[in-house]
Protein backbone atom coordinates (compact mmCIF):
# COMPACT_ATOMS: atom_id res chain seq x y z
CA MET A 1 180.45 20.02 53.64
CA ARG A 2 183.59 21.95 54.29
CA LEU A 3 182.61 24.29 51.35
CA GLN A 4 178.91 24.75 52.57
CA ARG A 5 180.82 25.80 55.96
CA LEU A 6 182.93 28.46 54.22
CA LEU A 7 180.06 29.71 52.35
CA ALA A 8 177.79 29.86 55.44
CA ARG A 9 180.63 31.88 57.05
CA GLY A 10 181.20 34.31 54.73
CA LEU A 11 177.78 35.53 54.12
CA GLN A 12 177.72 35.99 57.56
CA ALA A 13 180.51 37.85 57.50
CA THR A 14 179.47 40.32 55.03
CA LEU A 15 175.52 40.19 56.11
CA LEU A 16 175.55 43.88 56.52
CA LEU A 17 176.40 44.56 52.54
CA TRP A 18 173.79 42.66 50.67
CA PRO A 19 170.77 44.59 51.18
CA PRO A 20 172.28 48.04 49.23
CA ILE A 21 173.64 45.36 46.88
CA VAL A 22 170.20 43.56 46.54
CA LEU A 23 168.52 47.32 46.37
CA ALA A 24 171.00 48.51 43.68
CA PHE A 25 170.29 45.19 41.52
CA GLY A 26 166.56 45.98 41.05
CA TRP A 27 167.51 50.03 40.03
CA VAL A 28 169.71 48.67 37.16
CA HIS A 29 167.61 45.76 36.60
CA ARG A 30 164.36 48.23 36.48
CA ALA A 31 166.43 51.06 34.19
CA ALA A 32 167.37 47.63 31.56
CA HIS A 33 164.01 46.89 31.02
CA ILE A 34 162.81 49.95 30.48
CA LEU A 35 165.17 51.08 28.08
CA ASN A 36 164.42 47.24 26.49
CA ASN A 37 161.08 49.30 25.81
CA GLU A 38 158.89 45.72 25.20
CA GLU A 39 156.17 47.64 25.57
CA GLY A 40 156.94 49.38 22.50
CA GLY A 41 156.26 53.04 23.98
CA THR A 42 157.19 56.25 22.97
CA ALA A 43 160.05 58.40 23.72
CA THR A 44 158.39 60.27 25.77
CA GLU A 45 157.20 57.51 27.84
CA VAL A 46 160.20 55.70 28.14
CA GLN A 47 161.84 58.63 29.13
CA GLY A 48 159.78 59.66 31.97
CA ARG A 49 159.49 56.23 33.50
CA TYR A 50 163.25 56.04 33.37
CA GLN A 51 163.00 59.62 35.22
CA VAL A 52 161.13 57.33 37.98
CA VAL A 53 163.98 55.18 38.57
CA LEU A 54 166.80 57.77 38.54
CA ASP A 55 164.41 60.15 40.58
CA GLU A 56 164.25 57.05 43.19
CA MET A 57 167.86 56.85 43.00
CA ARG A 58 168.30 60.36 43.72
CA SER A 59 166.27 60.42 47.00
CA GLN A 60 167.62 56.90 48.38
CA ARG A 61 171.13 58.38 47.69
CA THR A 62 171.73 59.98 51.54
CA LEU A 63 170.54 56.56 52.96
CA GLN A 64 173.09 54.58 50.93
CA ASP A 65 176.07 55.41 52.32
CA ALA A 66 177.74 52.48 50.71
CA LEU A 67 176.39 53.13 47.23
CA ALA A 68 176.13 56.48 47.24
CA PRO A 69 179.96 56.46 44.60
CA ALA A 70 177.88 54.22 42.43
CA ILE A 71 174.63 56.08 42.68
CA ASP A 72 176.88 59.44 41.84
CA ARG A 73 178.51 57.86 38.07
CA PHE A 74 175.85 56.04 37.27
CA LEU A 75 173.60 59.74 37.25
CA ARG A 76 176.69 61.24 35.79
CA VAL A 77 176.77 59.09 32.88
CA THR A 78 173.44 58.61 32.40
CA ALA A 79 172.88 62.59 32.24
CA SER A 80 175.64 62.34 29.81
CA TYR A 81 174.07 60.28 27.34
CA TRP A 82 170.68 61.70 28.18
CA PRO A 83 170.40 63.85 24.81
CA GLY A 84 170.74 61.31 22.86
CA LEU A 85 169.23 58.27 24.53
CA PHE A 86 165.45 57.93 23.80
CA HIS A 87 165.52 59.05 19.95
CA CYS A 88 165.49 55.65 19.36
CA TYR A 89 161.99 55.12 20.39
CA ASP A 90 160.58 57.10 18.03
CA LEU A 91 162.96 56.68 15.10
CA PRO A 92 162.29 52.97 13.32
CA GLY A 93 165.87 51.04 13.08
CA LEU A 94 167.76 53.63 14.47
CA PRO A 95 170.34 51.70 16.87
CA ARG A 96 169.45 51.38 20.21
CA THR A 97 173.15 51.64 21.74
CA ASN A 98 176.59 52.94 20.96
CA ASN A 99 177.52 48.58 19.81
CA ASP A 100 174.57 48.12 17.58
CA LEU A 101 175.88 51.71 15.54
CA GLU A 102 179.27 50.85 15.97
CA HIS A 103 178.41 47.79 13.93
CA GLN A 104 176.75 49.69 11.67
CA PHE A 105 179.87 51.53 10.91
CA GLY A 106 182.08 49.17 11.32
CA SER A 107 179.87 47.20 7.94
CA ALA A 108 180.47 50.48 5.91
CA ARG A 109 183.92 50.25 6.69
CA TYR A 110 184.00 46.62 5.31
CA HIS A 111 182.52 46.87 1.86
CA THR A 112 184.62 50.21 1.37
CA ARG A 113 187.77 48.58 2.08
CA ARG A 114 186.19 45.22 -0.08
CA ALA A 115 185.52 47.85 -2.83
CA SER A 116 188.63 49.88 -3.15
CA GLY A 117 190.64 47.02 -2.00
CA ARG A 118 192.79 49.18 0.69
CA LYS A 119 193.63 47.78 4.12
CA GLY A 120 193.32 51.12 5.54
CA ALA A 121 190.67 54.09 5.42
CA ASP A 122 189.15 55.16 2.26
CA PRO A 123 190.69 58.84 2.31
CA SER A 124 187.36 59.81 -0.15
CA MET A 125 185.29 59.03 3.19
CA VAL A 126 186.82 62.52 4.85
CA VAL A 127 185.79 64.48 1.70
CA ARG A 128 182.10 62.64 0.99
CA GLY A 129 181.91 60.07 4.41
CA SER A 130 178.70 62.56 5.30
CA VAL A 131 176.99 61.92 2.28
CA ARG A 132 178.37 58.08 1.50
CA LEU A 133 178.31 57.10 4.93
CA VAL A 134 174.32 58.14 5.33
CA ALA A 135 173.71 56.26 1.68
CA ALA A 136 175.42 52.90 2.84
CA LEU A 137 173.38 52.66 5.92
CA VAL A 138 169.56 53.65 4.14
CA THR A 139 169.95 51.66 1.32
CA ARG A 140 170.52 48.47 3.48
CA HIS A 141 166.42 48.84 4.73
CA HIS A 142 164.97 50.72 2.31
CA THR A 143 164.98 50.51 -2.27
CA PHE A 144 164.59 53.55 -3.58
CA THR A 145 163.02 54.94 -6.69
CA GLY A 146 164.21 58.05 -8.93
CA ALA A 147 161.05 60.02 -7.51
CA GLU A 148 162.70 59.71 -4.14
CA LEU A 149 166.01 60.64 -5.00
CA ARG A 150 165.11 64.10 -6.78
CA PRO A 151 165.93 66.34 -4.12
CA HIS A 152 162.93 68.19 -2.53
CA ASN A 153 164.56 71.69 -1.24
CA LEU A 154 166.87 73.03 -4.05
CA GLU A 155 168.60 75.14 -1.52
CA ARG A 156 169.82 72.99 0.85
CA TRP A 157 171.03 70.27 -2.15
CA HIS A 158 173.22 73.37 -3.65
CA SER A 159 174.51 73.93 0.42
CA LEU A 160 175.52 70.18 0.60
CA ARG A 161 176.73 70.08 -2.90
CA ALA A 162 179.09 73.16 -2.01
CA THR A 163 180.14 72.27 1.53
CA LEU A 164 181.30 68.86 -0.49
CA ALA A 165 183.54 71.05 -3.28
CA PHE A 166 185.02 72.98 -0.47
CA ARG A 167 186.17 69.95 1.50
CA HIS A 168 187.45 68.18 -1.90
CA LYS A 169 189.07 71.63 -2.71
CA ALA A 170 191.00 71.30 0.83
CA ARG A 171 191.82 67.69 -0.03
CA ARG A 172 193.32 68.66 -3.59
CA ALA A 173 195.51 71.15 -2.03
CA GLN A 174 196.81 68.94 0.85
CA CYS A 175 197.80 66.63 -1.96
CA ARG A 176 199.43 69.17 -3.92
CA PHE A 177 201.11 70.71 -1.14
CA ARG A 178 202.48 66.75 -0.07
CA ARG A 179 203.63 66.53 -3.15
CA ASN A 180 205.82 69.77 -3.92
CA PRO A 181 205.68 71.63 -1.17
CA THR A 182 208.01 74.81 -2.46
CA ALA A 183 206.22 74.70 -5.76
CA TYR A 184 202.65 74.88 -3.51
CA LEU A 185 204.34 77.49 -0.56
CA ALA A 186 205.84 79.84 -3.93
CA ALA A 187 202.27 79.93 -5.53
CA LEU A 188 200.58 81.02 -2.52
CA GLU A 189 203.05 83.77 -2.17
CA ALA A 190 202.52 84.61 -5.40
CA GLN A 191 198.83 84.79 -4.94
CA LEU A 192 199.06 86.81 -1.77
CA LEU A 193 201.15 89.49 -3.20
CA THR A 194 199.23 89.72 -6.72
CA PRO A 195 197.53 93.75 -5.92
CA SER A 196 193.78 93.21 -5.83
CA LEU A 197 193.39 96.16 -7.02
CA PRO A 198 193.98 97.71 -10.32
CA SER A 199 197.17 100.37 -10.03
């Protein structure tokens, strides 16, 4: 009985605070429902429905003084995520949230650690991570045939190989420098002082 009286008194004291909270909860609930996309709409359809909720929040912002900071924050955070927010609805298998994507990266790190025996990060990820990580993620969902693995765009393939070779060369230079900084710098100095034109 006493608890019931306390609750009744608390609800009475906060009576004016509830309508804005109910309104904000409705917006957030609608936004979550739209992003869940249970209807299976395209990225453009989801974006259009989501934009309606954002426009409604903007139009009500001036009428809801208590909610103004929360609305501003919601709109600001949404704007920062906007460029990549809707790709997942058009690309099957693309993780919808940062947590799902981080789980994919974490899983790749876990398997790399198990294969290499290293407790820390694998240094080869710096050199070949852009290729290895994509390969690790894609091969989980699809088994490729030899014909599918053959490069279709040779120019792009050569460009990628050149990028990887450049990173590998930079990595080797770092190792040489760490092993013997004096000899490495002396070799660089000799290379710099070598005349480029014949005398």
